[in-house]
Amino acid sequence: MDKKMGVLALLSAGAMAAGPPDLAQCRAIEAAAARLACYDALATQAVARAGEPAVVAEPPPPVQVVAARPDAVTIKPGWLDRSWEMGTADRSDTFSMHAYRSNYLLPLFYTTRPNGHPGSPAPDRTVSDGLSLQRTDAKFQISLKTKVIDGLFDGNGDLWLAYTQNSRWQLYDGQTSRPFRETNYEPEGMLVFRTDYDLLGWQGRLLSFGFNHQSNGRSLPLSRSWNRLTMGVGLEKGDWTLMLRPWWRASEGHSDDNPDISDYVGRGELALVRRFDRQWLSLAVRHSLRGGERSHGSLRADWAFPLLPENGKLRAHLQWFSGYGESLIDYNHRGNYLGIGLSLAEGD
C-alpha cells in the first residue's frame, strides 16, 4: 500500500503536472510494481469520473433515403452506345478509325444461279454476249467509319463518315486470269443522335440521318450506281439490337444506270442482331414496299463465332443471302448465295 501511495504521489508531483496519467505513461514505467500501481491509479480516476454527469453527443442528422421512381428505367450501355460512342465513357478523339459494317473474307462464296446476262431497262446497260462465270467466288468486305465532328447540338449529334467496299473475285477461274467479277464502293455521311425512350420494352438509343452513294465503278454496259437519303432508328433490349433503316432515292436524271433499282433492292431494311458469348447473329430483311410485279426483296443471315477460345477477335463467318440485289450488277437478278470464311470482331 505504501508503494502504491508513493507512486500516486510521484504521478501527482511529476507526470500529473502535465495532466492525468494515461496508458502510455504507465506503459513507460520499467518497475513492474510501479507500473501496476499506475494502472490502478488510472482505474481509480475512471471510477471517480463515472460519478460525473455524462456528456451526451448530439445525434447526427438523419440520412434521407429517396426511393427510386417505380417507372424509372436504368439504361445499361449496349452495343449501339459503344459502337457510336454515345456514352461519356466511350467517346474517342475525332478522326479515329472504327469498324462500321462487318469486315470479312469468305474464300468460298457459292451461288446457285450465276448472272451471265446482267441488264437494266436503261439504254446501253444490257450485256449482249453471255458472260462465262463460275458458281464460286471469293468475297471480301472492308468497312470503316470515323467521327469528324463531336456534339454539334449541345453535346448531341455527331457527324460520321464511312466507307464500305465489297468484292466478288473469280478466284478459281484460272482460264480467264481470275478476274474480279464485281466490286461495289459505298461512301456515306451520317449525323447520329443519342436518344433515350422506351418502346414496348425496347430502349430507343439512336437516330441518324445520312447521304449514301453506291456504285460499281464500271463502264457501259455494266455501270450501276445510285444515291440515297437515309434514316436510321436503333433500339436495344439486352443482347438484342433492332435497326430500322428506310431510304429515299435521289434522282439522277437521264444518266440513271438502273431506274428500277428500288423495286428490287428495296426502299428500306430491318435488321435484328444478337451479340452473346462473343458470337454475332444477324438477320436483315429488305423489301420494295410495293405490291404486284414490283414486290421484291431479299433476306440475309450472318453468323460469326470465335475460332480460338483465348481470342474472340478472329471469328468463323457464315453468310446466306436469298433474293435480289446481292451486288449492284445483280440488283434485278434473283439468286441464293452461301459464303464461308473469316471475320474480325466489331468491338463487341
Protein backbone atom coordinates (compact mmCIF):
# COMPACT_ATOMS: atom_id res chain seq x y z
CA MET A 1 0.00 0.00 0.00
CA ASP A 2 2.87 2.36 0.82
CA LYS A 3 4.37 1.61 -2.59
CA LYS A 4 1.10 2.41 -4.31
CA MET A 5 0.76 5.69 -2.45
CA GLY A 6 4.35 6.51 -3.37
CA VAL A 7 3.60 6.01 -7.00
CA LEU A 8 0.47 8.13 -6.79
CA ALA A 9 2.48 10.86 -5.12
CA LEU A 10 5.07 10.61 -7.85
CA LEU A 11 2.40 10.85 -10.53
CA SER A 12 0.81 13.80 -8.84
CA ALA A 13 4.11 15.65 -8.42
CA GLY A 14 5.66 14.79 -11.77
CA ALA A 15 3.72 13.15 -14.59
CA MET A 16 0.36 14.54 -13.50
CA ALA A 17 1.78 18.05 -13.57
CA ALA A 18 1.06 17.91 -17.25
CA GLY A 19 -2.31 16.24 -16.72
CA PRO A 20 -3.77 12.91 -15.62
CA PRO A 21 -1.69 9.77 -16.30
CA ASP A 22 -2.52 7.87 -19.41
CA LEU A 23 -1.78 4.38 -20.68
CA ALA A 24 1.36 5.50 -22.48
CA GLN A 25 2.86 6.94 -19.29
CA CYS A 26 2.03 3.81 -17.30
CA ARG A 27 3.45 1.58 -20.03
CA ALA A 28 6.77 3.51 -19.88
CA ILE A 29 7.40 2.62 -16.16
CA GLU A 30 10.03 -0.14 -16.01
CA ALA A 31 9.34 -1.48 -12.49
CA ALA A 32 6.50 -3.98 -12.60
CA ALA A 33 5.03 -2.98 -9.21
CA ALA A 34 5.11 0.70 -10.03
CA ARG A 35 3.60 0.08 -13.47
CA LEU A 36 0.75 -1.91 -11.86
CA ALA A 37 0.18 0.89 -9.34
CA CYS A 38 -0.05 3.37 -12.24
CA TYR A 39 -2.74 1.25 -13.89
CA ASP A 40 -4.60 1.11 -10.55
CA ALA A 41 -4.46 4.89 -10.36
CA LEU A 42 -5.96 5.14 -13.84
CA ALA A 43 -8.78 2.83 -12.76
CA THR A 44 -9.40 4.95 -9.63
CA GLN A 45 -9.68 8.10 -11.77
CA ALA A 46 -12.07 6.34 -14.17
CA VAL A 47 -14.34 5.36 -11.25
CA ALA A 48 -14.27 8.96 -9.96
CA ARG A 49 -15.24 10.30 -13.36
CA ALA A 50 -18.08 7.79 -13.57
CA GLY A 51 -19.98 9.79 -10.93
CA GLU A 52 -19.92 12.92 -13.11
CA PRO A 53 -22.87 13.65 -15.41
CA ALA A 54 -22.39 12.10 -18.81
CA VAL A 55 -22.00 14.29 -21.86
CA VAL A 56 -24.46 13.16 -24.48
CA ALA A 57 -23.26 13.73 -28.03
CA GLU A 58 -25.76 15.34 -30.34
CA PRO A 59 -27.08 12.67 -32.71
CA PRO A 60 -26.14 13.08 -36.38
CA PRO A 61 -28.80 14.37 -38.72
CA PRO A 62 -30.95 11.61 -40.21
CA VAL A 63 -29.99 10.31 -43.63
CA GLN A 64 -32.71 10.96 -46.17
CA VAL A 65 -33.41 7.92 -48.32
CA VAL A 66 -35.05 8.69 -51.65
CA ALA A 67 -36.87 5.77 -53.20
CA ALA A 68 -36.45 5.28 -56.93
CA ARG A 69 -39.46 6.09 -59.04
CA PRO A 70 -41.25 2.87 -59.96
CA ASP A 71 -41.34 3.97 -63.60
CA ALA A 72 -37.67 4.93 -63.77
CA VAL A 73 -35.67 2.99 -66.39
CA THR A 74 -32.00 2.23 -65.87
CA ILE A 75 -30.13 2.30 -69.19
CA LYS A 76 -27.26 -0.14 -69.48
CA PRO A 77 -24.78 0.90 -72.17
CA GLY A 78 -25.17 -1.50 -75.08
CA TRP A 79 -23.55 -2.18 -78.41
CA LEU A 80 -25.05 0.90 -80.10
CA ASP A 81 -23.70 3.14 -77.33
CA ARG A 82 -20.22 1.66 -77.68
CA SER A 83 -20.18 1.49 -81.47
CA TRP A 84 -21.34 5.09 -81.96
CA GLU A 85 -19.67 6.48 -78.80
CA MET A 86 -22.87 7.83 -77.33
CA GLY A 87 -21.80 7.33 -73.69
CA THR A 88 -19.38 9.73 -71.98
CA ALA A 89 -17.01 6.88 -71.14
CA ASP A 90 -16.90 5.59 -74.72
CA ARG A 91 -16.06 8.77 -76.61
CA SER A 92 -12.76 8.89 -78.50
CA ASP A 93 -10.98 11.60 -80.42
CA THR A 94 -12.28 12.67 -83.81
CA PHE A 95 -10.76 11.04 -86.90
CA SER A 96 -10.14 7.75 -85.08
CA MET A 97 -10.89 4.74 -87.27
CA HIS A 98 -13.53 2.19 -86.21
CA ALA A 99 -15.23 -0.81 -87.77
CA TYR A 100 -18.56 0.08 -89.41
CA ARG A 101 -20.15 -2.97 -91.01
CA SER A 102 -18.62 -6.45 -90.90
CA ASN A 103 -15.06 -6.89 -92.11
CA TYR A 104 -14.73 -10.38 -93.54
CA LEU A 105 -13.07 -12.69 -96.05
CA LEU A 106 -15.16 -15.52 -97.50
CA PRO A 107 -12.88 -17.74 -99.64
CA LEU A 108 -15.96 -19.78 -100.62
CA PHE A 109 -18.98 -17.81 -101.83
CA TYR A 110 -21.25 -20.10 -103.83
CA THR A 111 -24.34 -19.22 -105.85
CA THR A 112 -26.91 -21.49 -107.44
CA ARG A 113 -27.57 -19.07 -110.36
CA PRO A 114 -24.66 -17.03 -111.76
CA ASN A 115 -25.87 -13.92 -113.62
CA GLY A 116 -24.43 -14.40 -117.07
CA HIS A 117 -26.65 -11.74 -118.71
CA PRO A 118 -26.71 -8.65 -116.45
CA GLY A 119 -29.01 -5.95 -117.78
CA SER A 120 -31.04 -2.86 -116.96
CA PRO A 121 -34.01 -1.02 -118.55
CA ALA A 122 -31.71 1.97 -119.17
CA PRO A 123 -30.28 2.24 -122.71
CA ASP A 124 -26.94 0.53 -123.38
CA ARG A 125 -26.89 -1.17 -119.98
CA THR A 126 -27.50 -4.78 -121.06
CA VAL A 127 -24.80 -7.32 -121.93
CA SER A 128 -25.28 -8.69 -125.44
CA ASP A 129 -22.95 -11.67 -125.15
CA GLY A 130 -23.31 -14.00 -122.21
CA LEU A 131 -20.61 -13.95 -119.52
CA SER A 132 -18.82 -17.16 -118.59
CA LEU A 133 -18.94 -17.27 -114.79
CA GLN A 134 -18.11 -19.93 -112.24
CA ARG A 135 -20.54 -20.59 -109.43
CA THR A 136 -17.97 -19.98 -106.67
CA ASP A 137 -16.37 -16.61 -105.96
CA ALA A 138 -14.16 -15.40 -103.16
CA LYS A 139 -15.86 -12.47 -101.44
CA PHE A 140 -14.44 -9.93 -99.03
CA GLN A 141 -15.62 -6.70 -97.41
CA ILE A 142 -13.80 -3.76 -95.77
CA SER A 143 -15.94 -1.29 -93.83
CA LEU A 144 -14.68 1.62 -91.68
CA LYS A 145 -16.04 4.79 -90.13
CA THR A 146 -14.66 7.87 -88.38
CA LYS A 147 -16.20 10.67 -86.37
CA VAL A 148 -15.31 14.09 -87.81
CA ILE A 149 -17.39 16.42 -85.58
CA ASP A 150 -18.33 15.67 -81.96
CA GLY A 151 -21.51 17.05 -80.36
CA LEU A 152 -22.87 19.53 -82.90
CA PHE A 153 -26.01 20.36 -80.90
CA ASP A 154 -25.32 20.98 -77.22
CA GLY A 155 -23.26 17.79 -76.83
CA ASN A 156 -25.50 15.63 -79.03
CA GLY A 157 -25.38 14.94 -82.76
CA ASP A 158 -22.07 13.56 -84.09
CA LEU A 159 -21.05 13.72 -87.74
CA TRP A 160 -19.57 10.45 -89.06
CA LEU A 161 -18.06 9.49 -92.42
CA ALA A 162 -18.00 5.84 -93.50
CA TYR A 163 -16.72 3.76 -96.37
CA THR A 164 -17.62 0.19 -97.33
CA GLN A 165 -16.15 -1.84 -100.19
CA ASN A 166 -17.00 -5.42 -101.07
CA SER A 167 -15.69 -7.51 -103.95
CA ARG A 168 -16.58 -10.77 -105.67
CA TRP A 169 -13.49 -12.40 -107.12
CA GLN A 170 -13.49 -15.32 -109.60
CA LEU A 171 -10.50 -16.72 -107.76
CA TYR A 172 -10.97 -20.27 -109.03
CA ASP A 173 -11.26 -19.39 -112.74
CA GLY A 174 -7.67 -19.81 -113.89
CA GLN A 175 -8.63 -19.91 -117.57
CA THR A 176 -9.68 -16.24 -117.59
CA SER A 177 -6.89 -14.98 -115.30
CA ARG A 178 -9.05 -14.94 -112.14
CA PRO A 179 -10.84 -11.60 -112.71
CA PHE A 180 -12.78 -9.54 -110.16
CA ARG A 181 -16.38 -10.08 -111.21
CA GLU A 182 -17.89 -7.17 -109.24
CA THR A 183 -16.75 -4.55 -106.70
CA ASN A 184 -19.13 -2.14 -105.00
CA TYR A 185 -17.95 1.16 -103.49
CA GLU A 186 -20.10 2.83 -100.85
CA PRO A 187 -19.10 6.11 -99.16
CA GLU A 188 -21.61 7.82 -96.87
CA GLY A 189 -22.02 10.54 -94.27
CA MET A 190 -24.29 10.35 -91.21
CA LEU A 191 -25.45 12.68 -88.47
CA VAL A 192 -26.03 10.44 -85.43
CA PHE A 193 -28.09 11.48 -82.39
CA ARG A 194 -28.28 9.84 -78.98
CA THR A 195 -31.87 9.06 -77.91
CA ASP A 196 -33.44 7.70 -74.72
CA TYR A 197 -37.00 6.38 -74.75
CA ASP A 198 -38.89 3.16 -74.09
CA LEU A 199 -40.91 1.41 -76.82
CA LEU A 200 -42.62 -1.87 -75.85
CA GLY A 201 -39.70 -2.87 -73.65
CA TRP A 202 -37.05 -1.79 -76.17
CA GLN A 203 -34.79 1.17 -75.45
CA GLY A 204 -34.51 3.70 -78.28
CA ARG A 205 -30.80 4.58 -78.41
CA LEU A 206 -30.03 6.01 -81.87
CA LEU A 207 -31.44 8.27 -84.57
CA SER A 208 -29.45 9.05 -87.72
CA PHE A 209 -29.78 10.94 -91.00
CA GLY A 210 -27.39 10.46 -93.87
CA PHE A 211 -26.44 10.51 -97.54
CA ASN A 212 -25.25 7.33 -99.26
CA HIS A 213 -23.63 6.75 -102.67
CA GLN A 214 -23.09 3.28 -104.09
CA SER A 215 -21.55 2.36 -107.45
CA ASN A 216 -19.51 -0.35 -109.10
CA GLY A 217 -17.16 1.97 -110.99
CA ARG A 218 -17.58 0.16 -114.31
CA SER A 219 -18.16 1.38 -117.83
CA LEU A 220 -21.17 0.64 -120.04
CA PRO A 221 -22.95 -1.71 -120.29
CA LEU A 222 -22.03 -2.84 -116.75
CA SER A 223 -22.20 0.54 -115.00
CA ARG A 224 -24.52 0.60 -111.95
CA SER A 225 -24.96 3.33 -109.31
CA TRP A 226 -27.45 5.21 -107.14
CA ASN A 227 -27.66 7.87 -104.41
CA ARG A 228 -29.88 7.70 -101.33
CA LEU A 229 -31.03 9.82 -98.42
CA THR A 230 -31.09 7.53 -95.40
CA MET A 231 -32.57 7.45 -91.92
CA GLY A 232 -31.76 5.07 -89.08
CA VAL A 233 -33.56 4.16 -85.86
CA GLY A 234 -31.75 1.90 -83.40
CA LEU A 235 -33.28 0.10 -80.41
CA GLU A 236 -31.80 -2.32 -77.89
CA LYS A 237 -33.06 -4.91 -75.43
CA GLY A 238 -30.44 -6.91 -73.56
CA ASP A 239 -28.28 -8.76 -76.10
CA TRP A 240 -30.59 -7.76 -78.98
CA THR A 241 -30.29 -4.81 -81.35
CA LEU A 242 -33.00 -3.76 -83.81
CA MET A 243 -32.17 -1.37 -86.65
CA LEU A 244 -34.76 0.15 -88.96
CA ARG A 245 -33.22 1.90 -91.97
CA PRO A 246 -35.53 3.39 -94.61
CA TRP A 247 -34.09 5.32 -97.56
CA TRP A 248 -35.25 7.56 -100.39
CA ARG A 249 -33.52 7.51 -103.74
CA ALA A 250 -32.14 10.76 -105.12
CA SER A 251 -32.93 11.25 -108.81
CA GLU A 252 -30.06 11.02 -111.30
CA GLY A 253 -31.98 12.19 -114.36
CA HIS A 254 -31.08 10.84 -117.78
CA SER A 255 -27.81 9.29 -116.56
CA ASP A 256 -29.61 6.71 -114.43
CA ASP A 257 -27.97 3.29 -114.84
CA ASN A 258 -30.76 1.42 -113.08
CA PRO A 259 -34.06 3.30 -112.88
CA ASP A 260 -35.95 0.40 -111.26
CA ILE A 261 -33.39 -0.49 -108.60
CA SER A 262 -35.66 0.47 -105.66
CA ASP A 263 -38.22 -2.10 -106.82
CA TYR A 264 -35.61 -4.84 -106.41
CA VAL A 265 -33.04 -3.84 -103.78
CA GLY A 266 -35.78 -2.24 -101.72
CA ARG A 267 -36.72 1.01 -100.02
CA GLY A 268 -35.64 0.05 -96.55
CA GLU A 269 -34.03 -2.57 -94.35
CA LEU A 270 -34.94 -4.09 -90.99
CA ALA A 271 -32.07 -5.85 -89.21
CA LEU A 272 -32.22 -7.87 -85.99
CA VAL A 273 -28.86 -8.61 -84.35
CA ARG A 274 -27.92 -10.58 -81.26
CA ARG A 275 -24.45 -10.47 -79.66
CA PHE A 276 -23.75 -13.03 -76.94
CA ASP A 277 -20.82 -15.17 -75.74
CA ARG A 278 -18.60 -13.40 -78.31
CA GLN A 279 -20.95 -14.59 -81.07
CA TRP A 280 -22.80 -12.43 -83.56
CA LEU A 281 -26.09 -13.36 -85.24
CA SER A 282 -27.80 -11.09 -87.77
CA LEU A 283 -30.94 -11.31 -89.89
CA ALA A 284 -31.65 -8.47 -92.36
CA VAL A 285 -34.78 -8.09 -94.49
CA ARG A 286 -35.16 -5.66 -97.41
CA HIS A 287 -38.30 -5.00 -99.43
CA SER A 288 -39.51 -2.72 -102.20
CA LEU A 289 -42.64 -1.77 -100.19
CA ARG A 290 -44.67 -2.23 -103.34
CA GLY A 291 -47.16 -4.88 -104.41
CA GLY A 292 -47.75 -6.96 -107.50
CA GLU A 293 -44.96 -7.19 -110.05
CA ARG A 294 -42.95 -4.59 -108.12
CA SER A 295 -42.85 -6.67 -104.95
CA HIS A 296 -39.25 -7.85 -104.48
CA GLY A 297 -36.71 -8.02 -101.70
CA SER A 298 -34.06 -10.11 -100.01
CA LEU A 299 -33.12 -11.93 -96.84
CA ARG A 300 -29.56 -12.06 -95.48
CA ALA A 301 -28.31 -14.02 -92.45
CA ASP A 302 -24.84 -13.86 -90.88
CA TRP A 303 -23.33 -15.86 -88.04
CA ALA A 304 -19.87 -15.23 -86.62
CA PHE A 305 -18.29 -17.07 -83.68
CA PRO A 306 -14.76 -17.19 -82.18
CA LEU A 307 -12.27 -19.59 -83.71
CA LEU A 308 -9.85 -19.54 -80.76
CA PRO A 309 -11.01 -19.79 -77.12
CA GLU A 310 -8.38 -17.31 -75.92
CA ASN A 311 -9.02 -14.74 -78.67
CA GLY A 312 -12.52 -13.68 -79.71
CA LYS A 313 -11.40 -11.16 -82.34
CA LEU A 314 -10.86 -13.68 -85.14
CA ARG A 315 -14.10 -15.45 -85.93
CA ALA A 316 -15.52 -18.01 -88.32
CA HIS A 317 -18.16 -16.37 -90.51
CA LEU A 318 -21.13 -17.89 -92.34
CA GLN A 319 -23.32 -15.83 -94.68
CA TRP A 320 -26.50 -16.74 -96.50
CA PHE A 321 -28.35 -14.49 -98.95
CA SER A 322 -31.54 -15.08 -100.89
CA GLY A 323 -33.30 -12.63 -103.18
CA TYR A 324 -32.43 -9.60 -105.28
CA GLY A 325 -29.50 -7.20 -105.03
CA GLU A 326 -26.65 -9.24 -103.56
CA SER A 327 -24.47 -6.85 -105.59
CA LEU A 328 -25.19 -3.87 -107.83
CA ILE A 329 -24.60 -5.79 -111.05
CA ASP A 330 -27.14 -8.36 -109.80
CA TYR A 331 -29.65 -5.81 -108.47
CA ASN A 332 -32.50 -7.31 -110.56
CA HIS A 333 -31.23 -10.89 -110.56
CA ARG A 334 -32.66 -13.36 -108.06
CA GLY A 335 -30.21 -15.83 -106.55
CA ASN A 336 -29.22 -17.83 -103.50
CA TYR A 337 -25.72 -17.48 -102.07
CA LEU A 338 -23.75 -19.22 -99.31
CA GLY A 339 -20.41 -17.97 -98.00
CA ILE A 340 -17.90 -19.48 -95.57
CA GLY A 341 -14.86 -17.70 -94.19
CA LEU A 342 -13.42 -15.44 -91.50
CA SER A 343 -14.31 -12.09 -89.99
CA LEU A 344 -12.95 -9.68 -87.39
CA ALA A 345 -14.94 -8.71 -84.30
CA GLU A 346 -16.51 -5.25 -84.40
CA GLY A 347 -15.65 -4.29 -80.83
CA ASP A 348 -18.43 -6.32 -79.27
